[in-house]
């Protein structure tokens, strides 16, 4: 979610949103289309020509192959963008716990008392 809130490149966010919308529309359409093609192939095998049944089965295989290819390429693209973002947008704060061996004036010199935590920073 931090990546979505980051005021970085808007093109990447629009691409992710567009791919999510396409995925939500294409998944049910591909499922229904595949089911209808296979159902038609079964009907053609029982009542009419086998050539039409083979054609419908080939159409179903092509449909699902294209769907899976698009899904995998899109998923891989967005994972690559996310990993690149994680690699280049790291914020780490190292908190040193108070110990008896370090005097309080040295801790104030380190700036531990005035340290503000930002929601985008990771505490280690």
Protein backbone atom coordinates (compact mmCIF):
# COMPACT_ATOMS: atom_id res chain seq x y z
CA UNK A 1 0.00 0.00 0.00
CA UNK A 2 2.93 2.28 0.63
CA UNK A 3 3.85 2.02 -3.05
CA UNK A 4 0.36 3.21 -4.02
CA UNK A 5 0.59 6.19 -1.63
CA UNK A 6 4.05 7.15 -2.84
CA UNK A 7 3.91 10.22 -5.10
CA UNK A 8 6.12 8.49 -7.64
CA UNK A 9 5.44 7.84 -11.31
CA UNK A 10 1.70 7.92 -11.99
CA UNK A 11 2.13 5.87 -15.15
CA UNK A 12 2.96 2.74 -13.12
CA UNK A 13 -0.10 3.18 -10.93
CA UNK A 14 -2.38 3.71 -13.93
CA UNK A 15 -0.94 0.59 -15.53
CA UNK A 16 -1.57 -1.45 -12.39
CA UNK A 17 -5.12 -0.14 -12.11
CA UNK A 18 -5.81 -0.81 -15.79
CA UNK A 19 -4.44 -4.33 -15.56
CA UNK A 20 -6.53 -5.04 -12.47
CA UNK A 21 -9.69 -3.83 -14.23
CA UNK A 22 -8.83 -5.92 -17.32
CA UNK A 23 -8.17 -8.95 -15.12
CA UNK A 24 -11.53 -8.55 -13.38
CA UNK A 25 -13.36 -8.35 -16.72
CA UNK A 26 -11.33 -10.87 -18.73
CA UNK A 27 -11.32 -13.67 -16.13
CA UNK A 28 -15.09 -14.27 -16.08
CA UNK A 29 -15.33 -13.73 -19.84
CA UNK A 30 -12.57 -16.25 -20.54
CA UNK A 31 -14.14 -18.75 -18.15
CA UNK A 32 -17.61 -18.43 -19.67
CA UNK A 33 -16.25 -18.48 -23.23
CA UNK A 34 -14.16 -21.57 -22.53
CA UNK A 35 -17.06 -23.35 -20.92
CA UNK A 36 -19.36 -22.50 -23.85
CA UNK A 37 -16.77 -23.67 -26.39
CA UNK A 38 -16.28 -26.95 -24.57
CA UNK A 39 -20.02 -27.42 -24.17
CA UNK A 40 -20.48 -26.80 -27.91
CA UNK A 41 -17.68 -29.26 -28.66
CA UNK A 42 -19.41 -31.95 -26.61
CA UNK A 43 -22.71 -31.27 -28.40
CA UNK A 44 -21.01 -31.43 -31.81
CA UNK A 45 -19.33 -34.71 -30.90
CA UNK A 46 -22.67 -36.26 -30.03
CA UNK A 47 -24.93 -34.82 -32.73
CA UNK A 48 -22.95 -33.56 -35.71
CA UNK A 49 -19.46 -33.26 -37.14
CA UNK A 50 -16.25 -33.99 -35.30
CA UNK A 51 -14.41 -31.32 -37.27
CA UNK A 52 -16.43 -28.54 -35.63
CA UNK A 53 -15.85 -30.12 -32.21
CA UNK A 54 -12.09 -30.19 -32.82
CA UNK A 55 -12.24 -26.56 -33.93
CA UNK A 56 -14.05 -25.54 -30.75
CA UNK A 57 -11.55 -27.43 -28.60
CA UNK A 58 -8.68 -25.72 -30.43
CA UNK A 59 -10.40 -22.37 -29.89
CA UNK A 60 -10.70 -23.09 -26.16
CA UNK A 61 -7.02 -24.05 -25.91
CA UNK A 62 -5.99 -20.89 -27.78
CA UNK A 63 -8.25 -18.74 -25.59
CA UNK A 64 -6.82 -20.08 -22.34
CA UNK A 65 -3.25 -19.98 -23.65
CA UNK A 66 -3.58 -16.28 -24.52
CA UNK A 67 -5.28 -15.56 -21.18
CA UNK A 68 -2.56 -17.32 -19.17
CA UNK A 69 0.20 -15.66 -21.20
CA UNK A 70 -1.27 -12.19 -20.62
CA UNK A 71 -1.78 -12.89 -16.91
CA UNK A 72 1.77 -14.14 -16.39
CA UNK A 73 3.37 -11.29 -18.35
CA UNK A 74 1.31 -8.68 -16.52
CA UNK A 75 2.02 -10.23 -13.11
CA UNK A 76 5.74 -10.47 -13.86
CA UNK A 77 5.84 -6.83 -15.02
CA UNK A 78 4.17 -5.54 -11.86
CA UNK A 79 6.36 -7.72 -9.61
CA UNK A 80 9.44 -6.31 -11.35
CA UNK A 81 8.20 -2.74 -10.83
CA UNK A 82 7.45 -3.46 -7.17
CA UNK A 83 10.87 -5.04 -6.56
CA UNK A 84 12.58 -2.10 -8.26
CA UNK A 85 10.58 0.30 -6.11
CA UNK A 86 11.51 -1.61 -2.94
CA UNK A 87 15.18 -1.55 -3.92
CA UNK A 88 15.27 2.19 -4.59
CA UNK A 89 12.90 3.48 -1.86
CA UNK A 90 14.27 2.16 1.38
CA UNK A 91 14.02 4.13 4.58
CA UNK A 92 15.59 2.53 7.59
CA UNK A 93 15.93 3.97 11.11
CA UNK A 94 18.27 2.26 13.52
CA UNK A 95 17.06 2.60 17.09
CA UNK A 96 19.69 2.10 19.74
CA UNK A 97 18.19 0.97 23.04
CA UNK A 98 19.11 2.85 26.21
CA UNK A 99 21.73 1.01 28.17
CA UNK A 100 23.35 1.58 31.52
CA UNK A 101 26.81 1.86 29.96
CA UNK A 102 25.96 4.91 27.80
CA UNK A 103 25.48 8.16 29.74
CA UNK A 104 22.32 10.13 29.00
CA UNK A 105 24.27 13.11 27.59
CA UNK A 106 25.82 10.87 24.92
CA UNK A 107 22.37 9.60 23.97
CA UNK A 108 21.13 13.13 23.52
CA UNK A 109 24.15 13.81 21.31
CA UNK A 110 23.10 10.89 19.14
CA UNK A 111 19.73 12.54 18.73
CA UNK A 112 17.65 9.66 20.02
CA UNK A 113 15.33 11.86 22.03
CA UNK A 114 14.43 14.10 19.09
CA UNK A 115 13.93 11.20 16.64
CA UNK A 116 10.55 11.33 14.92
CA UNK A 117 9.19 8.25 13.23
CA UNK A 118 7.67 8.66 9.83
CA UNK A 119 5.07 6.11 8.67
CA UNK A 120 7.20 5.41 5.58
CA UNK A 121 10.24 4.44 7.62
CA UNK A 122 11.17 0.97 8.73
CA UNK A 123 12.35 0.47 12.30
CA UNK A 124 15.21 -1.94 12.72
